[in-house]
mmCIF file of all heavy atoms, coordinates in Angstrom:
data_MODEL
# 
_entry.id   MODEL 
# 
loop_
_atom_site.group_PDB 
_atom_site.id 
_atom_site.type_symbol 
_atom_site.label_atom_id 
_atom_site.label_alt_id 
_atom_site.label_comp_id 
_atom_site.label_asym_id 
_atom_site.label_entity_id 
_atom_site.label_seq_id 
_atom_site.pdbx_PDB_ins_code 
_atom_site.Cartn_x 
_atom_site.Cartn_y 
_atom_site.Cartn_z 
_atom_site.occupancy 
_atom_site.B_iso_or_equiv 
_atom_site.pdbx_formal_charge 
_atom_site.auth_seq_id 
_atom_site.auth_comp_id 
_atom_site.auth_asym_id 
_atom_site.auth_atom_id 
_atom_site.pdbx_PDB_model_num 
ATOM 1   N N   . LEU A 1 1  ? 91.101  90.954  97.993  1.00 0.00 ? 1  LEU A N   1 
ATOM 2   C CA  . LEU A 1 1  ? 91.494  92.361  98.083  1.00 0.00 ? 1  LEU A CA  1 
ATOM 3   C C   . LEU A 1 1  ? 92.643  92.567  99.060  1.00 0.00 ? 1  LEU A C   1 
ATOM 4   O O   . LEU A 1 1  ? 93.385  93.542  98.941  1.00 0.00 ? 1  LEU A O   1 
ATOM 5   C CB  . LEU A 1 1  ? 90.290  93.215  98.510  1.00 0.00 ? 1  LEU A CB  1 
ATOM 6   C CG  . LEU A 1 1  ? 89.138  93.328  97.501  1.00 0.00 ? 1  LEU A CG  1 
ATOM 7   C CD1 . LEU A 1 1  ? 87.981  94.082  98.116  1.00 0.00 ? 1  LEU A CD1 1 
ATOM 8   C CD2 . LEU A 1 1  ? 89.611  94.001  96.225  1.00 0.00 ? 1  LEU A CD2 1 
ATOM 9   N N   . GLN A 1 2  ? 92.789  91.662  100.002 1.00 0.00 ? 2  GLN A N   1 
ATOM 10  C CA  . GLN A 1 2  ? 93.893  91.798  100.952 1.00 0.00 ? 2  GLN A CA  1 
ATOM 11  C C   . GLN A 1 2  ? 95.244  91.737  100.256 1.00 0.00 ? 2  GLN A C   1 
ATOM 12  O O   . GLN A 1 2  ? 96.224  92.301  100.752 1.00 0.00 ? 2  GLN A O   1 
ATOM 13  C CB  . GLN A 1 2  ? 93.810  90.689  102.013 1.00 0.00 ? 2  GLN A CB  1 
ATOM 14  C CG  . GLN A 1 2  ? 92.645  90.837  102.957 1.00 0.00 ? 2  GLN A CG  1 
ATOM 15  C CD  . GLN A 1 2  ? 92.615  89.756  104.024 1.00 0.00 ? 2  GLN A CD  1 
ATOM 16  O OE1 . GLN A 1 2  ? 93.488  88.892  104.072 1.00 0.00 ? 2  GLN A OE1 1 
ATOM 17  N NE2 . GLN A 1 2  ? 91.609  89.793  104.871 1.00 0.00 ? 2  GLN A NE2 1 
ATOM 18  N N   . LEU A 1 3  ? 95.312  91.059  99.113  1.00 0.00 ? 3  LEU A N   1 
ATOM 19  C CA  . LEU A 1 3  ? 96.571  90.996  98.376  1.00 0.00 ? 3  LEU A CA  1 
ATOM 20  C C   . LEU A 1 3  ? 96.966  92.385  97.897  1.00 0.00 ? 3  LEU A C   1 
ATOM 21  O O   . LEU A 1 3  ? 98.127  92.783  97.973  1.00 0.00 ? 3  LEU A O   1 
ATOM 22  C CB  . LEU A 1 3  ? 96.450  90.023  97.199  1.00 0.00 ? 3  LEU A CB  1 
ATOM 23  C CG  . LEU A 1 3  ? 96.091  88.579  97.560  1.00 0.00 ? 3  LEU A CG  1 
ATOM 24  C CD1 . LEU A 1 3  ? 95.897  87.751  96.295  1.00 0.00 ? 3  LEU A CD1 1 
ATOM 25  C CD2 . LEU A 1 3  ? 97.167  87.968  98.440  1.00 0.00 ? 3  LEU A CD2 1 
ATOM 26  N N   . GLY A 1 4  ? 95.958  93.120  97.382  1.00 0.00 ? 4  GLY A N   1 
ATOM 27  C CA  . GLY A 1 4  ? 96.232  94.484  96.951  1.00 0.00 ? 4  GLY A CA  1 
ATOM 28  C C   . GLY A 1 4  ? 96.538  95.395  98.127  1.00 0.00 ? 4  GLY A C   1 
ATOM 29  O O   . GLY A 1 4  ? 97.454  96.218  98.079  1.00 0.00 ? 4  GLY A O   1 
ATOM 30  N N   . TYR A 1 5  ? 95.785  95.241  99.212  1.00 0.00 ? 5  TYR A N   1 
ATOM 31  C CA  . TYR A 1 5  ? 96.030  96.063  100.381 1.00 0.00 ? 5  TYR A CA  1 
ATOM 32  C C   . TYR A 1 5  ? 97.396  95.755  100.995 1.00 0.00 ? 5  TYR A C   1 
ATOM 33  O O   . TYR A 1 5  ? 98.061  96.652  101.531 1.00 0.00 ? 5  TYR A O   1 
ATOM 34  C CB  . TYR A 1 5  ? 94.932  95.840  101.427 1.00 0.00 ? 5  TYR A CB  1 
ATOM 35  C CG  . TYR A 1 5  ? 93.587  96.367  101.015 1.00 0.00 ? 5  TYR A CG  1 
ATOM 36  C CD1 . TYR A 1 5  ? 92.426  95.689  101.348 1.00 0.00 ? 5  TYR A CD1 1 
ATOM 37  C CD2 . TYR A 1 5  ? 93.477  97.556  100.291 1.00 0.00 ? 5  TYR A CD2 1 
ATOM 38  C CE1 . TYR A 1 5  ? 91.181  96.173  100.964 1.00 0.00 ? 5  TYR A CE1 1 
ATOM 39  C CE2 . TYR A 1 5  ? 92.239  98.040  99.901  1.00 0.00 ? 5  TYR A CE2 1 
ATOM 40  C CZ  . TYR A 1 5  ? 91.094  97.349  100.241 1.00 0.00 ? 5  TYR A CZ  1 
ATOM 41  O OH  . TYR A 1 5  ? 89.872  97.827  99.864  1.00 0.00 ? 5  TYR A OH  1 
ATOM 42  N N   . SER A 1 6  ? 97.820  94.500  100.909 1.00 0.00 ? 6  SER A N   1 
ATOM 43  C CA  . SER A 1 6  ? 99.140  94.141  101.429 1.00 0.00 ? 6  SER A CA  1 
ATOM 44  C C   . SER A 1 6  ? 100.228 94.877  100.676 1.00 0.00 ? 6  SER A C   1 
ATOM 45  O O   . SER A 1 6  ? 101.213 95.330  101.249 1.00 0.00 ? 6  SER A O   1 
ATOM 46  C CB  . SER A 1 6  ? 99.357  92.627  101.323 1.00 0.00 ? 6  SER A CB  1 
ATOM 47  O OG  . SER A 1 6  ? 98.455  91.934  102.152 1.00 0.00 ? 6  SER A OG  1 
ATOM 48  N N   . PHE A 1 7  ? 100.052 95.002  99.361  1.00 0.00 ? 7  PHE A N   1 
ATOM 49  C CA  . PHE A 1 7  ? 101.012 95.734  98.542  1.00 0.00 ? 7  PHE A CA  1 
ATOM 50  C C   . PHE A 1 7  ? 101.120 97.181  99.010  1.00 0.00 ? 7  PHE A C   1 
ATOM 51  O O   . PHE A 1 7  ? 102.206 97.725  99.203  1.00 0.00 ? 7  PHE A O   1 
ATOM 52  C CB  . PHE A 1 7  ? 100.585 95.680  97.076  1.00 0.00 ? 7  PHE A CB  1 
ATOM 53  C CG  . PHE A 1 7  ? 101.349 96.624  96.180  1.00 0.00 ? 7  PHE A CG  1 
ATOM 54  C CD1 . PHE A 1 7  ? 102.597 96.280  95.702  1.00 0.00 ? 7  PHE A CD1 1 
ATOM 55  C CD2 . PHE A 1 7  ? 100.819 97.853  95.815  1.00 0.00 ? 7  PHE A CD2 1 
ATOM 56  C CE1 . PHE A 1 7  ? 103.313 97.149  94.890  1.00 0.00 ? 7  PHE A CE1 1 
ATOM 57  C CE2 . PHE A 1 7  ? 101.515 98.723  95.009  1.00 0.00 ? 7  PHE A CE2 1 
ATOM 58  C CZ  . PHE A 1 7  ? 102.772 98.366  94.541  1.00 0.00 ? 7  PHE A CZ  1 
ATOM 59  N N   . LEU A 1 8  ? 99.960  97.798  99.207  1.00 0.00 ? 8  LEU A N   1 
ATOM 60  C CA  . LEU A 1 8  ? 99.962  99.194  99.629  1.00 0.00 ? 8  LEU A CA  1 
ATOM 61  C C   . LEU A 1 8  ? 100.536 99.356  101.026 1.00 0.00 ? 8  LEU A C   1 
ATOM 62  O O   . LEU A 1 8  ? 101.352 100.241 101.282 1.00 0.00 ? 8  LEU A O   1 
ATOM 63  C CB  . LEU A 1 8  ? 98.526  99.740  99.584  1.00 0.00 ? 8  LEU A CB  1 
ATOM 64  C CG  . LEU A 1 8  ? 97.857  99.794  98.209  1.00 0.00 ? 8  LEU A CG  1 
ATOM 65  C CD1 . LEU A 1 8  ? 96.422  100.248 98.361  1.00 0.00 ? 8  LEU A CD1 1 
ATOM 66  C CD2 . LEU A 1 8  ? 98.614  100.729 97.281  1.00 0.00 ? 8  LEU A CD2 1 
ATOM 67  N N   . SER A 1 9  ? 100.106 98.490  101.926 1.00 0.00 ? 9  SER A N   1 
ATOM 68  C CA  . SER A 1 9  ? 100.533 98.619  103.322 1.00 0.00 ? 9  SER A CA  1 
ATOM 69  C C   . SER A 1 9  ? 102.013 98.326  103.489 1.00 0.00 ? 9  SER A C   1 
ATOM 70  O O   . SER A 1 9  ? 102.712 99.014  104.233 1.00 0.00 ? 9  SER A O   1 
ATOM 71  C CB  . SER A 1 9  ? 99.715  97.664  104.201 1.00 0.00 ? 9  SER A CB  1 
ATOM 72  O OG  . SER A 1 9  ? 98.342  97.981  104.125 1.00 0.00 ? 9  SER A OG  1 
ATOM 73  N N   . ALA A 1 10 ? 102.499 97.306  102.786 1.00 0.00 ? 10 ALA A N   1 
ATOM 74  C CA  . ALA A 1 10 ? 103.904 96.927  102.931 1.00 0.00 ? 10 ALA A CA  1 
ATOM 75  C C   . ALA A 1 10 ? 104.821 98.030  102.440 1.00 0.00 ? 10 ALA A C   1 
ATOM 76  O O   . ALA A 1 10 ? 105.956 98.165  102.895 1.00 0.00 ? 10 ALA A O   1 
ATOM 77  C CB  . ALA A 1 10 ? 104.181 95.637  102.159 1.00 0.00 ? 10 ALA A CB  1 
ATOM 78  N N   . ASN A 1 11 ? 104.342 98.842  101.518 1.00 0.00 ? 11 ASN A N   1 
ATOM 79  C CA  . ASN A 1 11 ? 105.144 99.926  100.979 1.00 0.00 ? 11 ASN A CA  1 
ATOM 80  C C   . ASN A 1 11 ? 104.800 101.278 101.609 1.00 0.00 ? 11 ASN A C   1 
ATOM 81  O O   . ASN A 1 11 ? 105.231 102.316 101.128 1.00 0.00 ? 11 ASN A O   1 
ATOM 82  C CB  . ASN A 1 11 ? 104.965 100.002 99.459  1.00 0.00 ? 11 ASN A CB  1 
ATOM 83  C CG  . ASN A 1 11 ? 105.560 98.817  98.748  1.00 0.00 ? 11 ASN A CG  1 
ATOM 84  O OD1 . ASN A 1 11 ? 106.764 98.747  98.545  1.00 0.00 ? 11 ASN A OD1 1 
ATOM 85  N ND2 . ASN A 1 11 ? 104.730 97.850  98.373  1.00 0.00 ? 11 ASN A ND2 1 
ATOM 86  N N   . ASN A 1 12 ? 104.003 101.231 102.686 1.00 0.00 ? 12 ASN A N   1 
ATOM 87  C CA  . ASN A 1 12 ? 103.619 102.458 103.387 1.00 0.00 ? 12 ASN A CA  1 
ATOM 88  C C   . ASN A 1 12 ? 102.841 103.419 102.487 1.00 0.00 ? 12 ASN A C   1 
ATOM 89  O O   . ASN A 1 12 ? 102.942 104.630 102.600 1.00 0.00 ? 12 ASN A O   1 
ATOM 90  C CB  . ASN A 1 12 ? 104.856 103.168 103.953 1.00 0.00 ? 12 ASN A CB  1 
ATOM 91  C CG  . ASN A 1 12 ? 104.492 104.233 104.971 1.00 0.00 ? 12 ASN A CG  1 
ATOM 92  O OD1 . ASN A 1 12 ? 103.479 104.114 105.644 1.00 0.00 ? 12 ASN A OD1 1 
ATOM 93  N ND2 . ASN A 1 12 ? 105.304 105.273 105.063 1.00 0.00 ? 12 ASN A ND2 1 
ATOM 94  N N   . TYR A 1 13 ? 102.092 102.842 101.530 1.00 0.00 ? 13 TYR A N   1 
ATOM 95  C CA  . TYR A 1 13 ? 101.368 103.685 100.586 1.00 0.00 ? 13 TYR A CA  1 
ATOM 96  C C   . TYR A 1 13 ? 99.934  103.960 101.014 1.00 0.00 ? 13 TYR A C   1 
ATOM 97  O O   . TYR A 1 13 ? 99.386  105.008 100.733 1.00 0.00 ? 13 TYR A O   1 
ATOM 98  C CB  . TYR A 1 13 ? 101.254 103.000 99.222  1.00 0.00 ? 13 TYR A CB  1 
ATOM 99  C CG  . TYR A 1 13 ? 102.527 102.710 98.488  1.00 0.00 ? 13 TYR A CG  1 
ATOM 100 C CD1 . TYR A 1 13 ? 102.513 101.853 97.398  1.00 0.00 ? 13 TYR A CD1 1 
ATOM 101 C CD2 . TYR A 1 13 ? 103.726 103.294 98.853  1.00 0.00 ? 13 TYR A CD2 1 
ATOM 102 C CE1 . TYR A 1 13 ? 103.671 101.579 96.704  1.00 0.00 ? 13 TYR A CE1 1 
ATOM 103 C CE2 . TYR A 1 13 ? 104.879 103.017 98.164  1.00 0.00 ? 13 TYR A CE2 1 
ATOM 104 C CZ  . TYR A 1 13 ? 104.853 102.165 97.085  1.00 0.00 ? 13 TYR A CZ  1 
ATOM 105 O OH  . TYR A 1 13 ? 105.995 101.890 96.401  1.00 0.00 ? 13 TYR A OH  1 
ATOM 106 N N   . ARG A 1 14 ? 99.318  103.002 101.628 1.00 0.00 ? 14 ARG A N   1 
ATOM 107 C CA  . ARG A 1 14 ? 97.866  102.958 101.677 1.00 0.00 ? 14 ARG A CA  1 
ATOM 108 C C   . ARG A 1 14 ? 97.211  104.240 102.185 1.00 0.00 ? 14 ARG A C   1 
ATOM 109 O O   . ARG A 1 14 ? 96.365  104.817 101.508 1.00 0.00 ? 14 ARG A O   1 
ATOM 110 C CB  . ARG A 1 14 ? 97.419  101.764 102.525 1.00 0.00 ? 14 ARG A CB  1 
ATOM 111 C CG  . ARG A 1 14 ? 95.901  101.578 102.547 1.00 0.00 ? 14 ARG A CG  1 
ATOM 112 C CD  . ARG A 1 14 ? 95.525  100.351 103.329 1.00 0.00 ? 14 ARG A CD  1 
ATOM 113 N NE  . ARG A 1 14 ? 94.092  100.223 103.421 1.00 0.00 ? 14 ARG A NE  1 
ATOM 114 C CZ  . ARG A 1 14 ? 93.476  99.287  104.116 1.00 0.00 ? 14 ARG A CZ  1 
ATOM 115 N NH1 . ARG A 1 14 ? 94.189  98.398  104.762 1.00 0.00 ? 14 ARG A NH1 1 
ATOM 116 N NH2 . ARG A 1 14 ? 92.164  99.236  104.158 1.00 0.00 ? 14 ARG A NH2 1 
ATOM 117 N N   . SER A 1 15 ? 97.594  104.685 103.366 1.00 0.00 ? 15 SER A N   1 
ATOM 118 C CA  . SER A 1 15 ? 96.903  105.840 103.942 1.00 0.00 ? 15 SER A CA  1 
ATOM 119 C C   . SER A 1 15 ? 97.163  107.114 103.149 1.00 0.00 ? 15 SER A C   1 
ATOM 120 O O   . SER A 1 15 ? 96.238  107.897 102.892 1.00 0.00 ? 15 SER A O   1 
ATOM 121 C CB  . SER A 1 15 ? 97.321  106.032 105.405 1.00 0.00 ? 15 SER A CB  1 
ATOM 122 O OG  . SER A 1 15 ? 98.722  106.240 105.504 1.00 0.00 ? 15 SER A OG  1 
ATOM 123 N N   . VAL A 1 16 ? 98.415  107.320 102.735 1.00 0.00 ? 16 VAL A N   1 
ATOM 124 C CA  . VAL A 1 16 ? 98.756  108.537 101.997 1.00 0.00 ? 16 VAL A CA  1 
ATOM 125 C C   . VAL A 1 16 ? 98.077  108.558 100.635 1.00 0.00 ? 16 VAL A C   1 
ATOM 126 O O   . VAL A 1 16 ? 97.421  109.540 100.261 1.00 0.00 ? 16 VAL A O   1 
ATOM 127 C CB  . VAL A 1 16 ? 100.288 108.673 101.830 1.00 0.00 ? 16 VAL A CB  1 
ATOM 128 C CG1 . VAL A 1 16 ? 100.620 109.856 100.917 1.00 0.00 ? 16 VAL A CG1 1 
ATOM 129 C CG2 . VAL A 1 16 ? 100.960 108.838 103.179 1.00 0.00 ? 16 VAL A CG2 1 
ATOM 130 N N   . ILE A 1 17 ? 98.229  107.470 99.888  1.00 0.00 ? 17 ILE A N   1 
ATOM 131 C CA  . ILE A 1 17 ? 97.658  107.411 98.542  1.00 0.00 ? 17 ILE A CA  1 
ATOM 132 C C   . ILE A 1 17 ? 96.142  107.533 98.587  1.00 0.00 ? 17 ILE A C   1 
ATOM 133 O O   . ILE A 1 17 ? 95.541  108.305 97.828  1.00 0.00 ? 17 ILE A O   1 
ATOM 134 C CB  . ILE A 1 17 ? 98.052  106.094 97.841  1.00 0.00 ? 17 ILE A CB  1 
ATOM 135 C CG1 . ILE A 1 17 ? 99.566  106.015 97.635  1.00 0.00 ? 17 ILE A CG1 1 
ATOM 136 C CG2 . ILE A 1 17 ? 97.311  105.964 96.509  1.00 0.00 ? 17 ILE A CG2 1 
ATOM 137 C CD1 . ILE A 1 17 ? 100.129 107.036 96.689  1.00 0.00 ? 17 ILE A CD1 1 
ATOM 138 N N   . GLN A 1 18 ? 95.507  106.770 99.465  1.00 0.00 ? 18 GLN A N   1 
ATOM 139 C CA  . GLN A 1 18 ? 94.043  106.799 99.529  1.00 0.00 ? 18 GLN A CA  1 
ATOM 140 C C   . GLN A 1 18 ? 93.527  108.181 99.889  1.00 0.00 ? 18 GLN A C   1 
ATOM 141 O O   . GLN A 1 18 ? 92.550  108.659 99.311  1.00 0.00 ? 18 GLN A O   1 
ATOM 142 C CB  . GLN A 1 18 ? 93.537  105.757 100.529 1.00 0.00 ? 18 GLN A CB  1 
ATOM 143 C CG  . GLN A 1 18 ? 92.032  105.512 100.450 1.00 0.00 ? 18 GLN A CG  1 
ATOM 144 C CD  . GLN A 1 18 ? 91.605  104.980 99.087  1.00 0.00 ? 18 GLN A CD  1 
ATOM 145 O OE1 . GLN A 1 18 ? 92.256  104.108 98.519  1.00 0.00 ? 18 GLN A OE1 1 
ATOM 146 N NE2 . GLN A 1 18 ? 90.518  105.527 98.561  1.00 0.00 ? 18 GLN A NE2 1 
ATOM 147 N N   . GLN A 1 19 ? 94.205  108.853 100.820 1.00 0.00 ? 19 GLN A N   1 
ATOM 148 C CA  . GLN A 1 19 ? 93.782  110.197 101.201 1.00 0.00 ? 19 GLN A CA  1 
ATOM 149 C C   . GLN A 1 19 ? 93.918  111.175 100.045 1.00 0.00 ? 19 GLN A C   1 
ATOM 150 O O   . GLN A 1 19 ? 93.044  112.014 99.809  1.00 0.00 ? 19 GLN A O   1 
ATOM 151 C CB  . GLN A 1 19 ? 94.590  110.693 102.400 1.00 0.00 ? 19 GLN A CB  1 
ATOM 152 C CG  . GLN A 1 19 ? 94.082  112.017 102.972 1.00 0.00 ? 19 GLN A CG  1 
ATOM 153 C CD  . GLN A 1 19 ? 92.651  111.928 103.447 1.00 0.00 ? 19 GLN A CD  1 
ATOM 154 O OE1 . GLN A 1 19 ? 92.335  111.138 104.314 1.00 0.00 ? 19 GLN A OE1 1 
ATOM 155 N NE2 . GLN A 1 19 ? 91.775  112.748 102.869 1.00 0.00 ? 19 GLN A NE2 1 
ATOM 156 N N   . VAL A 1 20 ? 95.012  111.053 99.293  1.00 0.00 ? 20 VAL A N   1 
ATOM 157 C CA  . VAL A 1 20 ? 95.219  111.930 98.139  1.00 0.00 ? 20 VAL A CA  1 
ATOM 158 C C   . VAL A 1 20 ? 94.115  111.726 97.097  1.00 0.00 ? 20 VAL A C   1 
ATOM 159 O O   . VAL A 1 20 ? 93.540  112.690 96.574  1.00 0.00 ? 20 VAL A O   1 
ATOM 160 C CB  . VAL A 1 20 ? 96.599  111.663 97.504  1.00 0.00 ? 20 VAL A CB  1 
ATOM 161 C CG1 . VAL A 1 20 ? 96.683  112.295 96.112  1.00 0.00 ? 20 VAL A CG1 1 
ATOM 162 C CG2 . VAL A 1 20 ? 97.707  112.214 98.394  1.00 0.00 ? 20 VAL A CG2 1 
ATOM 163 N N   . LEU A 1 21 ? 93.790  110.470 96.814  1.00 0.00 ? 21 LEU A N   1 
ATOM 164 C CA  . LEU A 1 21 ? 92.753  110.178 95.815  1.00 0.00 ? 21 LEU A CA  1 
ATOM 165 C C   . LEU A 1 21 ? 91.388  110.687 96.284  1.00 0.00 ? 21 LEU A C   1 
ATOM 166 O O   . LEU A 1 21 ? 90.613  111.251 95.496  1.00 0.00 ? 21 LEU A O   1 
ATOM 167 C CB  . LEU A 1 21 ? 92.697  108.678 95.535  1.00 0.00 ? 21 LEU A CB  1 
ATOM 168 C CG  . LEU A 1 21 ? 93.968  108.050 94.965  1.00 0.00 ? 21 LEU A CG  1 
ATOM 169 C CD1 . LEU A 1 21 ? 93.762  106.553 94.742  1.00 0.00 ? 21 LEU A CD1 1 
ATOM 170 C CD2 . LEU A 1 21 ? 94.391  108.723 93.663  1.00 0.00 ? 21 LEU A CD2 1 
ATOM 171 N N   . GLU A 1 22 ? 91.092  110.500 97.551  1.00 0.00 ? 22 GLU A N   1 
ATOM 172 C CA  . GLU A 1 22 ? 89.813  110.972 98.083  1.00 0.00 ? 22 GLU A CA  1 
ATOM 173 C C   . GLU A 1 22 ? 89.748  112.500 98.075  1.00 0.00 ? 22 GLU A C   1 
ATOM 174 O O   . GLU A 1 22 ? 88.676  113.078 97.841  1.00 0.00 ? 22 GLU A O   1 
ATOM 175 C CB  . GLU A 1 22 ? 89.595  110.427 99.492  1.00 0.00 ? 22 GLU A CB  1 
ATOM 176 C CG  . GLU A 1 22 ? 89.337  108.917 99.501  1.00 0.00 ? 22 GLU A CG  1 
ATOM 177 C CD  . GLU A 1 22 ? 89.234  108.339 100.900 1.00 0.00 ? 22 GLU A CD  1 
ATOM 178 O OE1 . GLU A 1 22 ? 89.283  109.127 101.873 1.00 0.00 ? 22 GLU A OE1 1 
ATOM 179 O OE2 . GLU A 1 22 ? 89.120  107.102 101.013 1.00 0.00 ? 22 GLU A OE2 1 
ATOM 180 N N   . ASP A 1 23 ? 90.872  113.147 98.304  1.00 0.00 ? 23 ASP A N   1 
ATOM 181 C CA  . ASP A 1 23 ? 90.914  114.611 98.240  1.00 0.00 ? 23 ASP A CA  1 
ATOM 182 C C   . ASP A 1 23 ? 90.601  115.106 96.832  1.00 0.00 ? 23 ASP A C   1 
ATOM 183 O O   . ASP A 1 23 ? 89.895  116.109 96.653  1.00 0.00 ? 23 ASP A O   1 
ATOM 184 C CB  . ASP A 1 23 ? 92.287  115.121 98.673  1.00 0.00 ? 23 ASP A CB  1 
ATOM 185 C CG  . ASP A 1 23 ? 92.513  115.010 100.183 1.00 0.00 ? 23 ASP A CG  1 
ATOM 186 O OD1 . ASP A 1 23 ? 91.537  114.740 100.909 1.00 0.00 ? 23 ASP A OD1 1 
ATOM 187 O OD2 . ASP A 1 23 ? 93.665  115.185 100.613 1.00 0.00 ? 23 ASP A OD2 1 
ATOM 188 N N   . ILE A 1 24 ? 91.135  114.404 95.831  1.00 0.00 ? 24 ILE A N   1 
ATOM 189 C CA  . ILE A 1 24 ? 90.863  114.778 94.442  1.00 0.00 ? 24 ILE A CA  1 
ATOM 190 C C   . ILE A 1 24 ? 89.368  114.689 94.160  1.00 0.00 ? 24 ILE A C   1 
ATOM 191 O O   . ILE A 1 24 ? 88.764  115.612 93.593  1.00 0.00 ? 24 ILE A O   1 
ATOM 192 C CB  . ILE A 1 24 ? 91.653  113.876 93.472  1.00 0.00 ? 24 ILE A CB  1 
ATOM 193 C CG1 . ILE A 1 24 ? 93.153  114.164 93.578  1.00 0.00 ? 24 ILE A CG1 1 
ATOM 194 C CG2 . ILE A 1 24 ? 91.172  114.083 92.032  1.00 0.00 ? 24 ILE A CG2 1 
ATOM 195 C CD1 . ILE A 1 24 ? 94.009  113.195 92.797  1.00 0.00 ? 24 ILE A CD1 1 
ATOM 196 N N   . THR A 1 25 ? 88.767  113.570 94.550  1.00 0.00 ? 25 THR A N   1 
ATOM 197 C CA  . THR A 1 25 ? 87.339  113.386 94.313  1.00 0.00 ? 25 THR A CA  1 
ATOM 198 C C   . THR A 1 25 ? 86.517  114.450 95.028  1.00 0.00 ? 25 THR A C   1 
ATOM 199 O O   . THR A 1 25 ? 85.545  114.991 94.490  1.00 0.00 ? 25 THR A O   1 
ATOM 200 C CB  . THR A 1 25 ? 86.898  111.987 94.766  1.00 0.00 ? 25 THR A CB  1 
ATOM 201 O OG1 . THR A 1 25 ? 87.640  111.000 94.046  1.00 0.00 ? 25 THR A OG1 1 
ATOM 202 C CG2 . THR A 1 25 ? 85.418  111.763 94.509  1.00 0.00 ? 25 THR A CG2 1 
ATOM 203 N N   . ALA A 1 26 ? 86.915  114.776 96.254  1.00 0.00 ? 26 ALA A N   1 
ATOM 204 C CA  . ALA A 1 26 ? 86.194  115.791 97.022  1.00 0.00 ? 26 ALA A CA  1 
ATOM 205 C C   . ALA A 1 26 ? 86.321  117.173 96.386  1.00 0.00 ? 26 ALA A C   1 
ATOM 206 O O   . ALA A 1 26 ? 85.364  117.960 96.392  1.00 0.00 ? 26 ALA A O   1 
ATOM 207 C CB  . ALA A 1 26 ? 86.724  115.822 98.457  1.00 0.00 ? 26 ALA A CB  1 
ATOM 208 N N   . GLU A 1 27 ? 87.479  117.478 95.804  1.00 0.00 ? 27 GLU A N   1 
ATOM 209 C CA  . GLU A 1 27 ? 87.724  118.800 95.247  1.00 0.00 ? 27 GLU A CA  1 
ATOM 210 C C   . GLU A 1 27 ? 87.052  119.026 93.905  1.00 0.00 ? 27 GLU A C   1 
ATOM 211 O O   . GLU A 1 27 ? 86.554  120.118 93.625  1.00 0.00 ? 27 GLU A O   1 
ATOM 212 C CB  . GLU A 1 27 ? 89.235  119.034 95.117  1.00 0.00 ? 27 GLU A CB  1 
ATOM 213 C CG  . GLU A 1 27 ? 89.938  119.222 96.454  1.00 0.00 ? 27 GLU A CG  1 
ATOM 214 C CD  . GLU A 1 27 ? 91.437  119.431 96.296  1.00 0.00 ? 27 GLU A CD  1 
ATOM 215 O OE1 . GLU A 1 27 ? 91.826  120.243 95.430  1.00 0.00 ? 27 GLU A OE1 1 
ATOM 216 O OE2 . GLU A 1 27 ? 92.214  118.804 97.036  1.00 0.00 ? 27 GLU A OE2 1 
ATOM 217 N N   . ILE A 1 28 ? 87.046  117.993 93.041  1.00 0.00 ? 28 ILE A N   1 
ATOM 218 C CA  . ILE A 1 28 ? 86.520  118.213 91.685  1.00 0.00 ? 28 ILE A CA  1 
ATOM 219 C C   . ILE A 1 28 ? 85.372  117.277 91.309  1.00 0.00 ? 28 ILE A C   1 
ATOM 220 O O   . ILE A 1 28 ? 84.807  117.390 90.215  1.00 0.00 ? 28 ILE A O   1 
ATOM 221 C CB  . ILE A 1 28 ? 87.644  118.077 90.625  1.00 0.00 ? 28 ILE A CB  1 
ATOM 222 C CG1 . ILE A 1 28 ? 88.253  116.668 90.642  1.00 0.00 ? 28 ILE A CG1 1 
ATOM 223 C CG2 . ILE A 1 28 ? 88.716  119.135 90.850  1.00 0.00 ? 28 ILE A CG2 1 
ATOM 224 C CD1 . ILE A 1 28 ? 89.259  116.447 89.521  1.00 0.00 ? 28 ILE A CD1 1 
ATOM 225 N N   . GLY A 1 29 ? 85.031  116.343 92.199  1.00 0.00 ? 29 GLY A N   1 
ATOM 226 C CA  . GLY A 1 29 ? 83.897  115.467 91.923  1.00 0.00 ? 29 GLY A CA  1 
ATOM 227 C C   . GLY A 1 29 ? 84.146  114.417 90.875  1.00 0.00 ? 29 GLY A C   1 
ATOM 228 O O   . GLY A 1 29 ? 83.198  113.911 90.257  1.00 0.00 ? 29 GLY A O   1 
ATOM 229 N N   . GLU A 1 30 ? 85.419  114.074 90.642  1.00 0.00 ? 30 GLU A N   1 
ATOM 230 C CA  . GLU A 1 30 ? 85.758  113.066 89.639  1.00 0.00 ? 30 GLU A CA  1 
ATOM 231 C C   . GLU A 1 30 ? 86.466  111.875 90.296  1.00 0.00 ? 30 GLU A C   1 
ATOM 232 O O   . GLU A 1 30 ? 87.060  111.995 91.374  1.00 0.00 ? 30 GLU A O   1 
ATOM 233 C CB  . GLU A 1 30 ? 86.678  113.662 88.568  1.00 0.00 ? 30 GLU A CB  1 
ATOM 234 C CG  . GLU A 1 30 ? 86.122  114.864 87.841  1.00 0.00 ? 30 GLU A CG  1 
ATOM 235 C CD  . GLU A 1 30 ? 84.958  114.541 86.907  1.00 0.00 ? 30 GLU A CD  1 
ATOM 236 O OE1 . GLU A 1 30 ? 84.627  113.344 86.754  1.00 0.00 ? 30 GLU A OE1 1 
ATOM 237 O OE2 . GLU A 1 30 ? 84.392  115.491 86.345  1.00 0.00 ? 30 GLU A OE2 1 
# 
């Protein structure tokens, strides 16, 4: 899994993308 996380982290995606996805789940339960 670190390979995938490296992709996200190297591109400065991880925290922003993960927060957005979690917000979606929290808002609509999907």
